[in-house]
Amino acid sequence: WYRRRSAPPFEVRWTAEGVEIEIEHLLLRYTASARG
């Protein structure tokens, strides 16, 4: 409900396939698609 919180440390990496977002307990790898 309080949206103005500080984000925890994270890293963003752009790759040939898309983007990677890494936080302490999670690694997200996303490849963009026009369909969402």
PDB file of all heavy atoms in Angstrom:
ATOM      1  N   TRP A   1       0.826  -1.204   0.000  1.00  0.00           N
ATOM      2  CA  TRP A   1       0.000   0.000   0.000  1.00  0.00           C
ATOM      3  C   TRP A   1       0.861   1.255   0.000  1.00  0.00           C
ATOM      4  O   TRP A   1       0.432   2.305  -0.446  1.00  0.00           O
ATOM      5  CB  TRP A   1      -0.970  -0.001   1.175  1.00  0.00           C
ATOM      6  CG  TRP A   1      -0.291  -0.046   2.513  1.00  0.00           C
ATOM      7  CD1 TRP A   1       0.075  -1.157   3.203  1.00  0.00           C
ATOM      8  CD2 TRP A   1       0.115   1.064   3.301  1.00  0.00           C
ATOM      9  NE1 TRP A   1       0.709  -0.802   4.372  1.00  0.00           N
ATOM     10  CE2 TRP A   1       0.738   0.554   4.459  1.00  0.00           C
ATOM     11  CE3 TRP A   1       0.020   2.447   3.142  1.00  0.00           C
ATOM     12  CZ2 TRP A   1       1.261   1.386   5.443  1.00  0.00           C
ATOM     13  CZ3 TRP A   1       0.544   3.269   4.127  1.00  0.00           C
ATOM     14  CH2 TRP A   1       1.151   2.731   5.271  1.00  0.00           C
ATOM     15  N   TYR A   2       2.091   1.165   0.505  1.00  0.00           N
ATOM     16  CA  TYR A   2       3.013   2.304   0.489  1.00  0.00           C
ATOM     17  C   TYR A   2       4.023   2.058  -0.624  1.00  0.00           C
ATOM     18  O   TYR A   2       4.918   1.235  -0.490  1.00  0.00           O
ATOM     19  CB  TYR A   2       3.712   2.470   1.840  1.00  0.00           C
ATOM     20  CG  TYR A   2       4.622   3.661   1.895  1.00  0.00           C
ATOM     21  CD1 TYR A   2       4.099   4.946   1.883  1.00  0.00           C
ATOM     22  CD2 TYR A   2       5.993   3.509   1.928  1.00  0.00           C
ATOM     23  CE1 TYR A   2       4.929   6.053   1.924  1.00  0.00           C
ATOM     24  CE2 TYR A   2       6.835   4.617   1.969  1.00  0.00           C
ATOM     25  CZ  TYR A   2       6.292   5.882   1.965  1.00  0.00           C
ATOM     26  OH  TYR A   2       7.105   6.979   2.000  1.00  0.00           O
ATOM     27  N   ARG A   3       3.870   2.745  -1.754  1.00  0.00           N
ATOM     28  CA  ARG A   3       4.649   2.460  -2.950  1.00  0.00           C
ATOM     29  C   ARG A   3       6.001   3.154  -2.989  1.00  0.00           C
ATOM     30  O   ARG A   3       6.822   2.867  -3.830  1.00  0.00           O
ATOM     31  CB  ARG A   3       3.855   2.868  -4.196  1.00  0.00           C
ATOM     32  CG  ARG A   3       2.588   2.101  -4.419  1.00  0.00           C
ATOM     33  CD  ARG A   3       2.861   0.702  -4.882  1.00  0.00           C
ATOM     34  NE  ARG A   3       3.663   0.684  -6.074  1.00  0.00           N
ATOM     35  CZ  ARG A   3       3.322   0.188  -7.230  1.00  0.00           C
ATOM     36  NH1 ARG A   3       2.152  -0.349  -7.364  1.00  0.00           N
ATOM     37  NH2 ARG A   3       4.130   0.200  -8.242  1.00  0.00           N
ATOM     38  N   ARG A   4       6.274   4.079  -2.123  1.00  0.00           N
ATOM     39  CA  ARG A   4       7.533   4.830  -2.190  1.00  0.00           C
ATOM     40  C   ARG A   4       8.619   4.218  -1.311  1.00  0.00           C
ATOM     41  O   ARG A   4       9.347   4.907  -0.629  1.00  0.00           O
ATOM     42  CB  ARG A   4       7.287   6.285  -1.796  1.00  0.00           C
ATOM     43  CG  ARG A   4       6.345   7.001  -2.712  1.00  0.00           C
ATOM     44  CD  ARG A   4       6.294   8.480  -2.401  1.00  0.00           C
ATOM     45  NE  ARG A   4       5.274   9.150  -3.148  1.00  0.00           N
ATOM     46  CZ  ARG A   4       5.444   9.679  -4.347  1.00  0.00           C
ATOM     47  NH1 ARG A   4       6.606   9.604  -4.930  1.00  0.00           N
ATOM     48  NH2 ARG A   4       4.454  10.272  -4.960  1.00  0.00           N
ATOM     49  N   ARG A   5       8.724   2.918  -1.358  1.00  0.00           N
ATOM     50  CA  ARG A   5       9.752   2.205  -0.593  1.00  0.00           C
ATOM     51  C   ARG A   5      11.040   2.149  -1.396  1.00  0.00           C
ATOM     52  O   ARG A   5      11.029   2.178  -2.620  1.00  0.00           O
ATOM     53  CB  ARG A   5       9.282   0.787  -0.323  1.00  0.00           C
ATOM     54  CG  ARG A   5       7.982   0.714   0.415  1.00  0.00           C
ATOM     55  CD  ARG A   5       7.509  -0.689   0.468  1.00  0.00           C
ATOM     56  NE  ARG A   5       8.506  -1.522   1.138  1.00  0.00           N
ATOM     57  CZ  ARG A   5       8.248  -2.581   1.825  1.00  0.00           C
ATOM     58  NH1 ARG A   5       7.015  -2.992   1.924  1.00  0.00           N
ATOM     59  NH2 ARG A   5       9.187  -3.270   2.399  1.00  0.00           N
ATOM     60  N   SER A   6      12.137   2.019  -0.698  1.00  0.00           N
ATOM     61  CA  SER A   6      13.422   1.822  -1.368  1.00  0.00           C
ATOM     62  C   SER A   6      13.499   0.401  -1.898  1.00  0.00           C
ATOM     63  O   SER A   6      13.088  -0.546  -1.219  1.00  0.00           O
ATOM     64  CB  SER A   6      14.575   2.044  -0.387  1.00  0.00           C
ATOM     65  OG  SER A   6      14.553   3.363   0.096  1.00  0.00           O
ATOM     66  N   ALA A   7      14.023   0.257  -3.089  1.00  0.00           N
ATOM     67  CA  ALA A   7      14.199  -1.079  -3.660  1.00  0.00           C
ATOM     68  C   ALA A   7      15.419  -1.737  -3.034  1.00  0.00           C
ATOM     69  O   ALA A   7      16.411  -1.069  -2.744  1.00  0.00           O
ATOM     70  CB  ALA A   7      14.378  -0.987  -5.165  1.00  0.00           C
ATOM     71  N   PRO A   8      15.372  -3.042  -2.832  1.00  0.00           N
ATOM     72  CA  PRO A   8      16.570  -3.739  -2.352  1.00  0.00           C
ATOM     73  C   PRO A   8      17.618  -3.746  -3.467  1.00  0.00           C
ATOM     74  O   PRO A   8      17.305  -3.470  -4.634  1.00  0.00           O
ATOM     75  CB  PRO A   8      16.064  -5.149  -2.057  1.00  0.00           C
ATOM     76  CG  PRO A   8      14.841  -5.306  -2.880  1.00  0.00           C
ATOM     77  CD  PRO A   8      14.241  -3.947  -3.039  1.00  0.00           C
ATOM     78  N   PRO A   9      18.853  -4.074  -3.151  1.00  0.00           N
ATOM     79  CA  PRO A   9      19.899  -4.124  -4.188  1.00  0.00           C
ATOM     80  C   PRO A   9      19.538  -5.118  -5.287  1.00  0.00           C
ATOM     81  O   PRO A   9      19.013  -6.197  -5.014  1.00  0.00           O
ATOM     82  CB  PRO A   9      21.143  -4.597  -3.423  1.00  0.00           C
ATOM     83  CG  PRO A   9      20.856  -4.333  -1.987  1.00  0.00           C
ATOM     84  CD  PRO A   9      19.366  -4.406  -1.830  1.00  0.00           C
ATOM     85  N   PHE A  10      19.806  -4.726  -6.535  1.00  0.00           N
ATOM     86  CA  PHE A  10      19.560  -5.611  -7.674  1.00  0.00           C
ATOM     87  C   PHE A  10      20.477  -5.221  -8.825  1.00  0.00           C
ATOM     88  O   PHE A  10      21.042  -4.133  -8.838  1.00  0.00           O
ATOM     89  CB  PHE A  10      18.087  -5.567  -8.112  1.00  0.00           C
ATOM     90  CG  PHE A  10      17.637  -4.244  -8.659  1.00  0.00           C
ATOM     91  CD1 PHE A  10      17.661  -3.996 -10.021  1.00  0.00           C
ATOM     92  CD2 PHE A  10      17.180  -3.247  -7.815  1.00  0.00           C
ATOM     93  CE1 PHE A  10      17.244  -2.782 -10.537  1.00  0.00           C
ATOM     94  CE2 PHE A  10      16.755  -2.027  -8.315  1.00  0.00           C
ATOM     95  CZ  PHE A  10      16.787  -1.793  -9.678  1.00  0.00           C
ATOM     96  N   GLU A  11      20.623  -6.148  -9.764  1.00  0.00           N
ATOM     97  CA  GLU A  11      21.419  -5.912 -10.966  1.00  0.00           C
ATOM     98  C   GLU A  11      20.565  -6.159 -12.195  1.00  0.00           C
ATOM     99  O   GLU A  11      19.754  -7.080 -12.211  1.00  0.00           O
ATOM    100  CB  GLU A  11      22.618  -6.857 -11.023  1.00  0.00           C
ATOM    101  CG  GLU A  11      23.683  -6.574  -9.994  1.00  0.00           C
ATOM    102  CD  GLU A  11      24.881  -7.491 -10.174  1.00  0.00           C
ATOM    103  OE1 GLU A  11      25.214  -7.809 -11.334  1.00  0.00           O
ATOM    104  OE2 GLU A  11      25.451  -7.897  -9.159  1.00  0.00           O
ATOM    105  N   VAL A  12      20.761  -5.336 -13.218  1.00  0.00           N
ATOM    106  CA  VAL A  12      20.080  -5.517 -14.504  1.00  0.00           C
ATOM    107  C   VAL A  12      21.153  -5.722 -15.561  1.00  0.00           C
ATOM    108  O   VAL A  12      22.110  -4.957 -15.636  1.00  0.00           O
ATOM    109  CB  VAL A  12      19.217  -4.295 -14.865  1.00  0.00           C
ATOM    110  CG1 VAL A  12      18.584  -4.468 -16.235  1.00  0.00           C
ATOM    111  CG2 VAL A  12      18.166  -4.050 -13.801  1.00  0.00           C
ATOM    112  N   ARG A  13      20.988  -6.789 -16.346  1.00  0.00           N
ATOM    113  CA  ARG A  13      21.924  -7.072 -17.439  1.00  0.00           C
ATOM    114  C   ARG A  13      21.132  -7.255 -18.726  1.00  0.00           C
ATOM    115  O   ARG A  13      20.177  -8.020 -18.759  1.00  0.00           O
ATOM    116  CB  ARG A  13      22.733  -8.328 -17.144  1.00  0.00           C
ATOM    117  CG  ARG A  13      23.691  -8.174 -15.979  1.00  0.00           C
ATOM    118  CD  ARG A  13      24.486  -9.442 -15.728  1.00  0.00           C
ATOM    119  NE  ARG A  13      23.685 -10.538 -15.209  1.00  0.00           N
ATOM    120  CZ  ARG A  13      23.373 -10.702 -13.926  1.00  0.00           C
ATOM    121  NH1 ARG A  13      23.782  -9.832 -13.027  1.00  0.00           N
ATOM    122  NH2 ARG A  13      22.659 -11.742 -13.543  1.00  0.00           N
ATOM    123  N   TRP A  14      21.538  -6.547 -19.768  1.00  0.00           N
ATOM    124  CA  TRP A  14      20.943  -6.721 -21.091  1.00  0.00           C
ATOM    125  C   TRP A  14      21.788  -7.717 -21.851  1.00  0.00           C
ATOM    126  O   TRP A  14      23.009  -7.606 -21.888  1.00  0.00           O
ATOM    127  CB  TRP A  14      20.876  -5.383 -21.822  1.00  0.00           C
ATOM    128  CG  TRP A  14      19.902  -4.451 -21.165  1.00  0.00           C
ATOM    129  CD1 TRP A  14      20.195  -3.486 -20.238  1.00  0.00           C
ATOM    130  CD2 TRP A  14      18.492  -4.432 -21.332  1.00  0.00           C
ATOM    131  NE1 TRP A  14      19.048  -2.860 -19.828  1.00  0.00           N
ATOM    132  CE2 TRP A  14      17.985  -3.420 -20.495  1.00  0.00           C
ATOM    133  CE3 TRP A  14      17.610  -5.166 -22.114  1.00  0.00           C
ATOM    134  CZ2 TRP A  14      16.625  -3.129 -20.417  1.00  0.00           C
ATOM    135  CZ3 TRP A  14      16.259  -4.858 -22.039  1.00  0.00           C
ATOM    136  CH2 TRP A  14      15.785  -3.855 -21.202  1.00  0.00           C
ATOM    137  N   THR A  15      21.134  -8.711 -22.443  1.00  0.00           N
ATOM    138  CA  THR A  15      21.831  -9.741 -23.203  1.00  0.00           C
ATOM    139  C   THR A  15      21.285  -9.746 -24.627  1.00  0.00           C
ATOM    140  O   THR A  15      20.317  -9.037 -24.930  1.00  0.00           O
ATOM    141  CB  THR A  15      21.605 -11.136 -22.576  1.00  0.00           C
ATOM    142  OG1 THR A  15      20.225 -11.492 -22.735  1.00  0.00           O
ATOM    143  CG2 THR A  15      21.989 -11.154 -21.101  1.00  0.00           C
ATOM    144  N   ALA A  16      21.876 -10.570 -25.473  1.00  0.00           N
ATOM    145  CA  ALA A  16      21.386 -10.693 -26.851  1.00  0.00           C
ATOM    146  C   ALA A  16      19.959 -11.245 -26.873  1.00  0.00           C
ATOM    147  O   ALA A  16      19.178 -10.940 -27.772  1.00  0.00           O
ATOM    148  CB  ALA A  16      22.315 -11.596 -27.660  1.00  0.00           C
ATOM    149  N   GLU A  17      19.587 -12.040 -25.872  1.00  0.00           N
ATOM    150  CA  GLU A  17      18.256 -12.648 -25.810  1.00  0.00           C
ATOM    151  C   GLU A  17      17.218 -11.739 -25.164  1.00  0.00           C
ATOM    152  O   GLU A  17      16.029 -11.888 -25.401  1.00  0.00           O
ATOM    153  CB  GLU A  17      18.299 -13.970 -25.041  1.00  0.00           C
ATOM    154  CG  GLU A  17      19.078 -15.067 -25.739  1.00  0.00           C
ATOM    155  CD  GLU A  17      20.584 -14.918 -25.535  1.00  0.00           C
ATOM    156  OE1 GLU A  17      21.009 -14.382 -24.497  1.00  0.00           O
ATOM    157  OE2 GLU A  17      21.329 -15.327 -26.427  1.00  0.00           O
ATOM    158  N   GLY A  18      17.629 -10.844 -24.276  1.00  0.00           N
ATOM    159  CA  GLY A  18      16.671  -9.996 -23.563  1.00  0.00           C
ATOM    160  C   GLY A  18      17.304  -9.332 -22.363  1.00  0.00           C
ATOM    161  O   GLY A  18      18.387  -8.783 -22.439  1.00  0.00           O
ATOM    162  N   VAL A  19      16.639  -9.439 -21.233  1.00  0.00           N
ATOM    163  CA  VAL A  19      17.105  -8.791 -20.013  1.00  0.00           C
ATOM    164  C   VAL A  19      17.120  -9.805 -18.873  1.00  0.00           C
ATOM    165  O   VAL A  19      16.310 -10.724 -18.824  1.00  0.00           O
ATOM    166  CB  VAL A  19      16.221  -7.567 -19.653  1.00  0.00           C
ATOM    167  CG1 VAL A  19      14.800  -7.993 -19.314  1.00  0.00           C
ATOM    168  CG2 VAL A  19      16.819  -6.745 -18.534  1.00  0.00           C
ATOM    169  N   GLU A  20      18.078  -9.621 -17.962  1.00  0.00           N
ATOM    170  CA  GLU A  20      18.153 -10.405 -16.729  1.00  0.00           C
ATOM    171  C   GLU A  20      18.089  -9.440 -15.563  1.00  0.00           C
ATOM    172  O   GLU A  20      18.784  -8.419 -15.571  1.00  0.00           O
ATOM    173  CB  GLU A  20      19.464 -11.179 -16.652  1.00  0.00           C
ATOM    174  CG  GLU A  20      19.623 -12.248 -17.695  1.00  0.00           C
ATOM    175  CD  GLU A  20      20.941 -12.999 -17.569  1.00  0.00           C
ATOM    176  OE1 GLU A  20      21.823 -12.561 -16.795  1.00  0.00           O
ATOM    177  OE2 GLU A  20      21.084 -14.014 -18.254  1.00  0.00           O
ATOM    178  N   ILE A  21      17.277  -9.765 -14.580  1.00  0.00           N
ATOM    179  CA  ILE A  21      17.209  -8.988 -13.343  1.00  0.00           C
ATOM    180  C   ILE A  21      17.530  -9.942 -12.213  1.00  0.00           C
ATOM    181  O   ILE A  21      16.873 -10.971 -12.046  1.00  0.00           O
ATOM    182  CB  ILE A  21      15.818  -8.368 -13.139  1.00  0.00           C
ATOM    183  CG1 ILE A  21      15.474  -7.450 -14.319  1.00  0.00           C
ATOM    184  CG2 ILE A  21      15.772  -7.602 -11.811  1.00  0.00           C
ATOM    185  CD1 ILE A  21      14.057  -6.920 -14.289  1.00  0.00           C
ATOM    186  N   GLU A  22      18.552  -9.588 -11.440  1.00  0.00           N
ATOM    187  CA  GLU A  22      18.974 -10.456 -10.335  1.00  0.00           C
ATOM    188  C   GLU A  22      18.849  -9.716  -9.022  1.00  0.00           C
ATOM    189  O   GLU A  22      19.379  -8.618  -8.852  1.00  0.00           O
ATOM    190  CB  GLU A  22      20.411 -10.919 -10.539  1.00  0.00           C
ATOM    191  CG  GLU A  22      20.861 -11.923  -9.514  1.00  0.00           C
ATOM    192  CD  GLU A  22      22.205 -12.551  -9.833  1.00  0.00           C
ATOM    193  OE1 GLU A  22      22.838 -12.155 -10.818  1.00  0.00           O
ATOM    194  OE2 GLU A  22      22.612 -13.445  -9.071  1.00  0.00           O
ATOM    195  N   ILE A  23      18.098 -10.339  -8.101  1.00  0.00           N
ATOM    196  CA  ILE A  23      18.007  -9.856  -6.732  1.00  0.00           C
ATOM    197  C   ILE A  23      18.514 -10.967  -5.826  1.00  0.00           C
ATOM    198  O   ILE A  23      18.892 -12.035  -6.308  1.00  0.00           O
ATOM    199  CB  ILE A  23      16.572  -9.398  -6.386  1.00  0.00           C
ATOM    200  CG1 ILE A  23      15.550 -10.492  -6.654  1.00  0.00           C
ATOM    201  CG2 ILE A  23      16.225  -8.135  -7.143  1.00  0.00           C
ATOM    202  CD1 ILE A  23      14.116 -10.088  -6.343  1.00  0.00           C
ATOM    203  N   GLU A  24      18.568 -10.725  -4.551  1.00  0.00           N
ATOM    204  CA  GLU A  24      19.218 -11.664  -3.628  1.00  0.00           C
ATOM    205  C   GLU A  24      18.759 -13.114  -3.793  1.00  0.00           C
ATOM    206  O   GLU A  24      19.574 -14.028  -3.808  1.00  0.00           O
ATOM    207  CB  GLU A  24      18.977 -11.206  -2.185  1.00  0.00           C
ATOM    208  CG  GLU A  24      19.688 -12.058  -1.163  1.00  0.00           C
ATOM    209  CD  GLU A  24      19.484 -11.556   0.248  1.00  0.00           C
ATOM    210  OE1 GLU A  24      18.844 -10.498   0.444  1.00  0.00           O
ATOM    211  OE2 GLU A  24      19.958 -12.238   1.167  1.00  0.00           O
ATOM    212  N   HIS A  25      17.468 -13.351  -3.938  1.00  0.00           N
ATOM    213  CA  HIS A  25      16.940 -14.716  -3.975  1.00  0.00           C
ATOM    214  C   HIS A  25      16.294 -15.092  -5.302  1.00  0.00           C
ATOM    215  O   HIS A  25      15.593 -16.109  -5.369  1.00  0.00           O
ATOM    216  CB  HIS A  25      15.909 -14.903  -2.864  1.00  0.00           C
ATOM    217  CG  HIS A  25      16.464 -14.707  -1.493  1.00  0.00           C
ATOM    218  ND1 HIS A  25      17.236 -15.652  -0.853  1.00  0.00           N
ATOM    219  CD2 HIS A  25      16.398 -13.654  -0.647  1.00  0.00           C
ATOM    220  CE1 HIS A  25      17.601 -15.201   0.331  1.00  0.00           C
ATOM    221  NE2 HIS A  25      17.108 -13.988   0.480  1.00  0.00           N
ATOM    222  N   LEU A  26      16.514 -14.300  -6.349  1.00  0.00           N
ATOM    223  CA  LEU A  26      15.785 -14.533  -7.587  1.00  0.00           C
ATOM    224  C   LEU A  26      16.577 -14.023  -8.791  1.00  0.00           C
ATOM    225  O   LEU A  26      17.196 -12.971  -8.726  1.00  0.00           O
ATOM    226  CB  LEU A  26      14.445 -13.794  -7.521  1.00  0.00           C
ATOM    227  CG  LEU A  26      13.530 -13.846  -8.721  1.00  0.00           C
ATOM    228  CD1 LEU A  26      13.010 -15.264  -8.935  1.00  0.00           C
ATOM    229  CD2 LEU A  26      12.368 -12.894  -8.529  1.00  0.00           C
ATOM    230  N   LEU A  27      16.531 -14.801  -9.868  1.00  0.00           N
ATOM    231  CA  LEU A  27      17.089 -14.374 -11.154  1.00  0.00           C
ATOM    232  C   LEU A  27      15.985 -14.508 -12.187  1.00  0.00           C
ATOM    233  O   LEU A  27      15.467 -15.604 -12.411  1.00  0.00           O
ATOM    234  CB  LEU A  27      18.289 -15.234 -11.555  1.00  0.00           C
ATOM    235  CG  LEU A  27      18.828 -14.999 -12.972  1.00  0.00           C
ATOM    236  CD1 LEU A  27      19.327 -13.565 -13.140  1.00  0.00           C
ATOM    237  CD2 LEU A  27      19.927 -15.998 -13.298  1.00  0.00           C
ATOM    238  N   LEU A  28      15.603 -13.393 -12.801  1.00  0.00           N
ATOM    239  CA  LEU A  28      14.581 -13.387 -13.844  1.00  0.00           C
ATOM    240  C   LEU A  28      15.263 -13.191 -15.187  1.00  0.00           C
ATOM    241  O   LEU A  28      16.069 -12.270 -15.341  1.00  0.00           O
ATOM    242  CB  LEU A  28      13.592 -12.239 -13.617  1.00  0.00           C
ATOM    243  CG  LEU A  28      12.589 -12.047 -14.748  1.00  0.00           C
ATOM    244  CD1 LEU A  28      11.397 -12.966 -14.534  1.00  0.00           C
ATOM    245  CD2 LEU A  28      12.145 -10.613 -14.844  1.00  0.00           C
ATOM    246  N   ARG A  29      14.963 -14.057 -16.140  1.00  0.00           N
ATOM    247  CA  ARG A  29      15.444 -13.904 -17.519  1.00  0.00           C
ATOM    248  C   ARG A  29      14.222 -13.731 -18.402  1.00  0.00           C
ATOM    249  O   ARG A  29      13.355 -14.605 -18.432  1.00  0.00           O
ATOM    250  CB  ARG A  29      16.246 -15.124 -17.951  1.00  0.00           C
ATOM    251  CG  ARG A  29      17.550 -15.259 -17.237  1.00  0.00           C
ATOM    252  CD  ARG A  29      18.368 -16.399 -17.820  1.00  0.00           C
ATOM    253  NE  ARG A  29      19.629 -16.487 -17.141  1.00  0.00           N
ATOM    254  CZ  ARG A  29      20.060 -17.581 -16.524  1.00  0.00           C
ATOM    255  NH1 ARG A  29      19.340 -18.677 -16.545  1.00  0.00           N
ATOM    256  NH2 ARG A  29      21.222 -17.575 -15.928  1.00  0.00           N
ATOM    257  N   TYR A  30      14.177 -12.615 -19.119  1.00  0.00           N
ATOM    258  CA  TYR A  30      13.003 -12.301 -19.923  1.00  0.00           C
ATOM    259  C   TYR A  30      13.416 -12.001 -21.358  1.00  0.00           C
ATOM    260  O   TYR A  30      14.332 -11.225 -21.605  1.00  0.00           O
ATOM    261  CB  TYR A  30      12.269 -11.088 -19.336  1.00  0.00           C
ATOM    262  CG  TYR A  30      11.122 -10.627 -20.183  1.00  0.00           C
ATOM    263  CD1 TYR A  30       9.943 -11.356 -20.242  1.00  0.00           C
ATOM    264  CD2 TYR A  30      11.215  -9.470 -20.942  1.00  0.00           C
ATOM    265  CE1 TYR A  30       8.880 -10.937 -21.035  1.00  0.00           C
ATOM    266  CE2 TYR A  30      10.165  -9.044 -21.730  1.00  0.00           C
ATOM    267  CZ  TYR A  30       9.006  -9.785 -21.767  1.00  0.00           C
ATOM    268  OH  TYR A  30       7.965  -9.374 -22.559  1.00  0.00           O
ATOM    269  N   THR A  31      12.701 -12.611 -22.304  1.00  0.00           N
ATOM    270  CA  THR A  31      12.873 -12.339 -23.727  1.00  0.00           C
ATOM    271  C   THR A  31      11.619 -11.618 -24.196  1.00  0.00           C
ATOM    272  O   THR A  31      10.508 -12.140 -24.056  1.00  0.00           O
ATOM    273  CB  THR A  31      13.054 -13.652 -24.518  1.00  0.00           C
ATOM    274  OG1 THR A  31      14.196 -14.336 -23.991  1.00  0.00           O
ATOM    275  CG2 THR A  31      13.262 -13.373 -25.988  1.00  0.00           C
ATOM    276  N   ALA A  32      11.777 -10.428 -24.749  1.00  0.00           N
ATOM    277  CA  ALA A  32      10.632  -9.605 -25.153  1.00  0.00           C
ATOM    278  C   ALA A  32       9.840 -10.264 -26.269  1.00  0.00           C
ATOM    279  O   ALA A  32      10.388 -10.944 -27.130  1.00  0.00           O
ATOM    280  CB  ALA A  32      11.120  -8.233 -25.590  1.00  0.00           C
ATOM    281  N   SER A  33       8.540 -10.025 -26.232  1.00  0.00           N
ATOM    282  CA  SER A  33       7.628 -10.529 -27.247  1.00  0.00           C
ATOM    283  C   SER A  33       6.580  -9.455 -27.508  1.00  0.00           C
ATOM    284  O   SER A  33       6.107  -8.802 -26.568  1.00  0.00           O
ATOM    285  CB  SER A  33       6.936 -11.810 -26.760  1.00  0.00           C
ATOM    286  OG  SER A  33       5.853 -12.130 -27.596  1.00  0.00           O
ATOM    287  N   ALA A  34       6.212  -9.261 -28.757  1.00  0.00           N
ATOM    288  CA  ALA A  34       5.178  -8.278 -29.094  1.00  0.00           C
ATOM    289  C   ALA A  34       3.833  -8.658 -28.482  1.00  0.00           C
ATOM    290  O   ALA A  34       2.967  -7.803 -28.300  1.00  0.00           O
ATOM    291  CB  ALA A  34       5.051  -8.155 -30.607  1.00  0.00           C
ATOM    292  N   ARG A  35       3.643  -9.932 -28.158  1.00  0.00           N
ATOM    293  CA  ARG A  35       2.400 -10.401 -27.547  1.00  0.00           C
ATOM    294  C   ARG A  35       2.384 -10.223 -26.036  1.00  0.00           C
ATOM    295  O   ARG A  35       1.432 -10.597 -25.367  1.00  0.00           O
ATOM    296  CB  ARG A  35       2.174 -11.865 -27.890  1.00  0.00           C
ATOM    297  CG  ARG A  35       1.970 -12.073 -29.363  1.00  0.00           C
ATOM    298  CD  ARG A  35       1.635 -13.497 -29.714  1.00  0.00           C
ATOM    299  NE  ARG A  35       1.802 -14.420 -28.611  1.00  0.00           N
ATOM    300  CZ  ARG A  35       2.090 -15.689 -28.746  1.00  0.00           C
ATOM    301  NH1 ARG A  35       2.252 -16.203 -29.946  1.00  0.00           N
ATOM    302  NH2 ARG A  35       2.230 -16.480 -27.712  1.00  0.00           N
ATOM    303  N   GLY A  36       3.442  -9.698 -25.473  1.00  0.00           N
ATOM    304  CA  GLY A  36       3.512  -9.529 -24.027  1.00  0.00           C
ATOM    305  C   GLY A  36       4.136 -10.731 -23.358  1.00  0.00           C
ATOM    306  O   GLY A  36       5.008 -11.375 -23.933  1.00  0.00           O
TER     307      GLY A  36
END
